[in-house]
Amino acid sequence: MSSLENVREHMQVIDAEGTPLGKVDRVEGDRIKLTRDSSGEGSHEGHHHFIPAGLVADVEGETVRLSARIDAVESIFQTEEGE
C-alpha cells in the first residue's frame, strides 16, 4: 500500500519532531502538494511546495508525519516553477 493512499486534502503535515509544515492541497503523482497559504514567508511565500512521497513516515488521523526535520525538508522543497 502506498504511503500516499491515505493522504487527503487539508491534512496537517508535520516534520519528524512534530513541527507543522503546512496543509495538503492534494496528491500529485508521487508528491504531496501543499496549499499556497501554508507555504511560509520570504522566498517560500505564494508558491505551492511539493514533498516527495519518500519522506512520508506515517499517516494517522488527520496528520501526515514526515521522516525528516523541517530544516532538511525545506532544503529539498520543490515548487511549481521547478525551483
N, C-alpha and C. Protein backbone atom coordinates (compact mmCIF):
# COMPACT_ATOMS: atom_id res chain seq x y z
N MET A 1 0.84 -1.19 0.00
CA MET A 1 0.00 0.00 0.00
C MET A 1 0.88 1.24 0.00
N SER A 2 0.59 2.18 -0.88
CA SER A 2 1.35 3.41 -0.99
C SER A 2 1.15 4.27 0.26
N SER A 3 2.20 4.97 0.65
CA SER A 3 2.09 5.85 1.81
C SER A 3 1.20 7.05 1.50
N LEU A 4 0.90 7.28 0.22
CA LEU A 4 0.07 8.42 -0.15
C LEU A 4 -1.41 8.08 -0.29
N GLU A 5 -1.76 6.82 -0.24
CA GLU A 5 -3.16 6.41 -0.44
C GLU A 5 -4.10 7.00 0.59
N ASN A 6 -3.63 7.24 1.79
CA ASN A 6 -4.48 7.76 2.86
C ASN A 6 -4.36 9.26 3.05
N VAL A 7 -3.58 9.93 2.23
CA VAL A 7 -3.40 11.38 2.33
C VAL A 7 -4.57 12.06 1.65
N ARG A 8 -5.20 13.00 2.39
CA ARG A 8 -6.37 13.72 1.88
C ARG A 8 -6.18 15.22 2.01
N GLU A 9 -6.98 15.95 1.26
CA GLU A 9 -6.97 17.40 1.27
C GLU A 9 -7.14 17.94 2.69
N HIS A 10 -6.39 18.97 3.00
CA HIS A 10 -6.43 19.72 4.26
C HIS A 10 -5.83 18.99 5.47
N MET A 11 -5.19 17.85 5.25
CA MET A 11 -4.50 17.19 6.36
C MET A 11 -3.29 18.04 6.76
N GLN A 12 -2.96 18.03 8.04
CA GLN A 12 -1.79 18.74 8.55
C GLN A 12 -0.54 17.92 8.24
N VAL A 13 0.52 18.57 7.75
CA VAL A 13 1.80 17.92 7.50
C VAL A 13 2.78 18.41 8.56
N ILE A 14 3.40 17.46 9.28
CA ILE A 14 4.36 17.82 10.32
C ILE A 14 5.69 17.12 10.04
N ASP A 15 6.77 17.70 10.59
CA ASP A 15 8.07 17.07 10.42
C ASP A 15 8.27 15.98 11.46
N ALA A 16 9.45 15.38 11.49
CA ALA A 16 9.73 14.26 12.39
C ALA A 16 9.64 14.64 13.86
N GLU A 17 9.78 15.93 14.17
CA GLU A 17 9.71 16.39 15.56
C GLU A 17 8.35 16.99 15.91
N GLY A 18 7.41 16.97 14.96
CA GLY A 18 6.08 17.48 15.23
C GLY A 18 5.85 18.92 14.84
N THR A 19 6.83 19.57 14.20
CA THR A 19 6.69 20.95 13.77
C THR A 19 5.82 21.02 12.52
N PRO A 20 4.76 21.85 12.54
CA PRO A 20 3.88 21.94 11.37
C PRO A 20 4.60 22.53 10.16
N LEU A 21 4.37 21.92 8.99
CA LEU A 21 4.95 22.40 7.73
C LEU A 21 3.90 23.02 6.82
N GLY A 22 2.68 22.61 6.95
CA GLY A 22 1.62 23.12 6.10
C GLY A 22 0.47 22.16 6.02
N LYS A 23 -0.41 22.43 5.06
CA LYS A 23 -1.59 21.59 4.85
C LYS A 23 -1.58 21.05 3.42
N VAL A 24 -2.13 19.87 3.29
CA VAL A 24 -2.20 19.20 2.00
C VAL A 24 -3.20 19.90 1.10
N ASP A 25 -2.77 20.24 -0.11
CA ASP A 25 -3.68 20.70 -1.15
C ASP A 25 -4.22 19.46 -1.86
N ARG A 26 -3.29 18.61 -2.33
CA ARG A 26 -3.67 17.33 -2.93
C ARG A 26 -2.40 16.52 -3.20
N VAL A 27 -2.61 15.27 -3.60
CA VAL A 27 -1.51 14.40 -4.00
C VAL A 27 -1.43 14.48 -5.52
N GLU A 28 -0.22 14.71 -6.02
CA GLU A 28 0.02 14.75 -7.46
C GLU A 28 1.14 13.77 -7.77
N GLY A 29 0.79 12.66 -8.37
CA GLY A 29 1.80 11.65 -8.70
C GLY A 29 2.39 11.06 -7.44
N ASP A 30 3.70 11.20 -7.28
CA ASP A 30 4.38 10.67 -6.10
C ASP A 30 4.82 11.78 -5.15
N ARG A 31 4.04 12.89 -5.15
CA ARG A 31 4.36 14.03 -4.28
C ARG A 31 3.10 14.56 -3.61
N ILE A 32 3.30 15.17 -2.45
CA ILE A 32 2.23 15.89 -1.76
C ILE A 32 2.38 17.36 -2.10
N LYS A 33 1.30 17.95 -2.58
CA LYS A 33 1.29 19.38 -2.89
C LYS A 33 0.70 20.10 -1.68
N LEU A 34 1.44 21.06 -1.14
CA LEU A 34 0.95 21.85 -0.01
C LEU A 34 0.19 23.06 -0.51
N THR A 35 -0.75 23.56 0.30
CA THR A 35 -1.52 24.74 -0.08
C THR A 35 -0.61 25.96 -0.11
N ARG A 36 -0.95 26.92 -0.95
CA ARG A 36 -0.15 28.15 -1.05
C ARG A 36 -0.17 28.93 0.26
N ASP A 37 -1.34 28.98 0.92
CA ASP A 37 -1.44 29.78 2.13
C ASP A 37 -0.67 29.18 3.30
N SER A 38 -0.15 27.97 3.15
CA SER A 38 0.68 27.39 4.21
C SER A 38 2.13 27.28 3.76
N SER A 39 2.50 28.09 2.75
CA SER A 39 3.82 27.95 2.15
C SER A 39 4.93 28.70 2.88
N GLY A 40 4.59 29.56 3.81
CA GLY A 40 5.63 30.26 4.55
C GLY A 40 5.82 31.68 4.06
N GLU A 41 6.96 32.25 4.43
CA GLU A 41 7.24 33.65 4.11
C GLU A 41 8.50 33.76 3.27
N GLY A 42 8.80 34.99 2.86
CA GLY A 42 10.01 35.23 2.08
C GLY A 42 9.94 34.55 0.73
N SER A 43 10.99 33.84 0.36
CA SER A 43 11.05 33.20 -0.95
C SER A 43 10.05 32.06 -1.09
N HIS A 44 9.54 31.56 0.04
CA HIS A 44 8.56 30.47 0.01
C HIS A 44 7.13 30.97 -0.19
N GLU A 45 6.89 32.25 0.06
CA GLU A 45 5.54 32.79 0.05
C GLU A 45 4.90 32.74 -1.33
N GLY A 46 3.63 32.33 -1.37
CA GLY A 46 2.85 32.37 -2.59
C GLY A 46 3.11 31.25 -3.58
N HIS A 47 3.85 30.24 -3.18
CA HIS A 47 4.15 29.12 -4.07
C HIS A 47 3.59 27.83 -3.47
N HIS A 48 3.14 26.95 -4.34
CA HIS A 48 2.85 25.60 -3.88
C HIS A 48 4.19 24.90 -3.69
N HIS A 49 4.31 24.14 -2.63
CA HIS A 49 5.50 23.33 -2.42
C HIS A 49 5.12 21.86 -2.48
N PHE A 50 6.05 21.06 -2.92
CA PHE A 50 5.82 19.64 -3.09
C PHE A 50 6.78 18.85 -2.21
N ILE A 51 6.26 17.81 -1.59
CA ILE A 51 7.07 16.94 -0.73
C ILE A 51 7.07 15.54 -1.34
N PRO A 52 8.25 14.98 -1.60
CA PRO A 52 8.32 13.64 -2.19
C PRO A 52 7.71 12.58 -1.26
N ALA A 53 7.05 11.60 -1.84
CA ALA A 53 6.40 10.53 -1.07
C ALA A 53 7.39 9.79 -0.17
N GLY A 54 8.64 9.72 -0.58
CA GLY A 54 9.65 9.01 0.20
C GLY A 54 9.90 9.59 1.57
N LEU A 55 9.46 10.83 1.81
CA LEU A 55 9.63 11.45 3.13
C LEU A 55 8.49 11.17 4.09
N VAL A 56 7.42 10.54 3.61
CA VAL A 56 6.27 10.26 4.47
C VAL A 56 6.58 9.06 5.36
N ALA A 57 6.58 9.30 6.67
CA ALA A 57 6.84 8.23 7.64
C ALA A 57 5.55 7.57 8.08
N ASP A 58 4.47 8.38 8.21
CA ASP A 58 3.22 7.84 8.74
C ASP A 58 2.07 8.76 8.37
N VAL A 59 0.90 8.18 8.20
CA VAL A 59 -0.35 8.93 8.01
C VAL A 59 -1.30 8.40 9.06
N GLU A 60 -1.67 9.27 9.99
CA GLU A 60 -2.54 8.85 11.09
C GLU A 60 -3.56 9.92 11.39
N GLY A 61 -4.82 9.55 11.37
CA GLY A 61 -5.88 10.52 11.63
C GLY A 61 -5.86 11.60 10.56
N GLU A 62 -5.71 12.84 10.98
CA GLU A 62 -5.67 13.98 10.05
C GLU A 62 -4.25 14.54 9.92
N THR A 63 -3.24 13.71 10.18
CA THR A 63 -1.86 14.18 10.18
C THR A 63 -0.96 13.31 9.32
N VAL A 64 -0.10 13.98 8.54
CA VAL A 64 0.94 13.31 7.77
C VAL A 64 2.26 13.65 8.45
N ARG A 65 2.95 12.62 8.97
CA ARG A 65 4.23 12.83 9.63
C ARG A 65 5.35 12.45 8.67
N LEU A 66 6.33 13.35 8.56
CA LEU A 66 7.48 13.09 7.70
C LEU A 66 8.62 12.48 8.49
N SER A 67 9.57 11.89 7.79
CA SER A 67 10.70 11.23 8.44
C SER A 67 11.89 12.16 8.65
N ALA A 68 11.77 13.42 8.23
CA ALA A 68 12.88 14.38 8.34
C ALA A 68 12.43 15.61 9.13
N ARG A 69 13.41 16.35 9.63
CA ARG A 69 13.13 17.60 10.33
C ARG A 69 12.85 18.71 9.33
N ILE A 70 12.23 19.78 9.80
CA ILE A 70 11.80 20.88 8.94
C ILE A 70 12.96 21.49 8.15
N ASP A 71 14.14 21.63 8.77
CA ASP A 71 15.25 22.25 8.05
C ASP A 71 15.69 21.40 6.86
N ALA A 72 15.67 20.10 7.00
CA ALA A 72 16.03 19.21 5.89
C ALA A 72 14.94 19.21 4.81
N VAL A 73 13.69 19.23 5.23
CA VAL A 73 12.58 19.22 4.28
C VAL A 73 12.57 20.51 3.46
N GLU A 74 12.74 21.66 4.12
CA GLU A 74 12.71 22.93 3.41
C GLU A 74 13.84 23.04 2.39
N SER A 75 14.95 22.37 2.65
CA SER A 75 16.07 22.45 1.70
C SER A 75 15.80 21.66 0.42
N ILE A 76 14.81 20.76 0.43
CA ILE A 76 14.51 20.00 -0.78
C ILE A 76 13.11 20.27 -1.33
N PHE A 77 12.43 21.28 -0.79
CA PHE A 77 11.12 21.65 -1.32
C PHE A 77 11.22 21.83 -2.83
N GLN A 78 10.22 21.38 -3.52
CA GLN A 78 10.10 21.64 -4.95
C GLN A 78 8.91 22.57 -5.12
N THR A 79 9.02 23.53 -6.05
CA THR A 79 7.92 24.45 -6.30
C THR A 79 7.34 24.20 -7.67
N GLU A 80 6.24 24.87 -7.96
CA GLU A 80 5.59 24.74 -9.26
C GLU A 80 6.54 25.10 -10.40
N GLU A 81 7.40 26.07 -10.16
CA GLU A 81 8.29 26.54 -11.19
C GLU A 81 9.50 25.63 -11.37
N GLY A 82 9.58 24.57 -10.56
CA GLY A 82 10.69 23.63 -10.67
C GLY A 82 11.93 24.08 -9.94
N GLU A 83 11.79 25.07 -9.05
CA GLU A 83 12.94 25.56 -8.29
C GLU A 83 13.36 24.57 -7.25
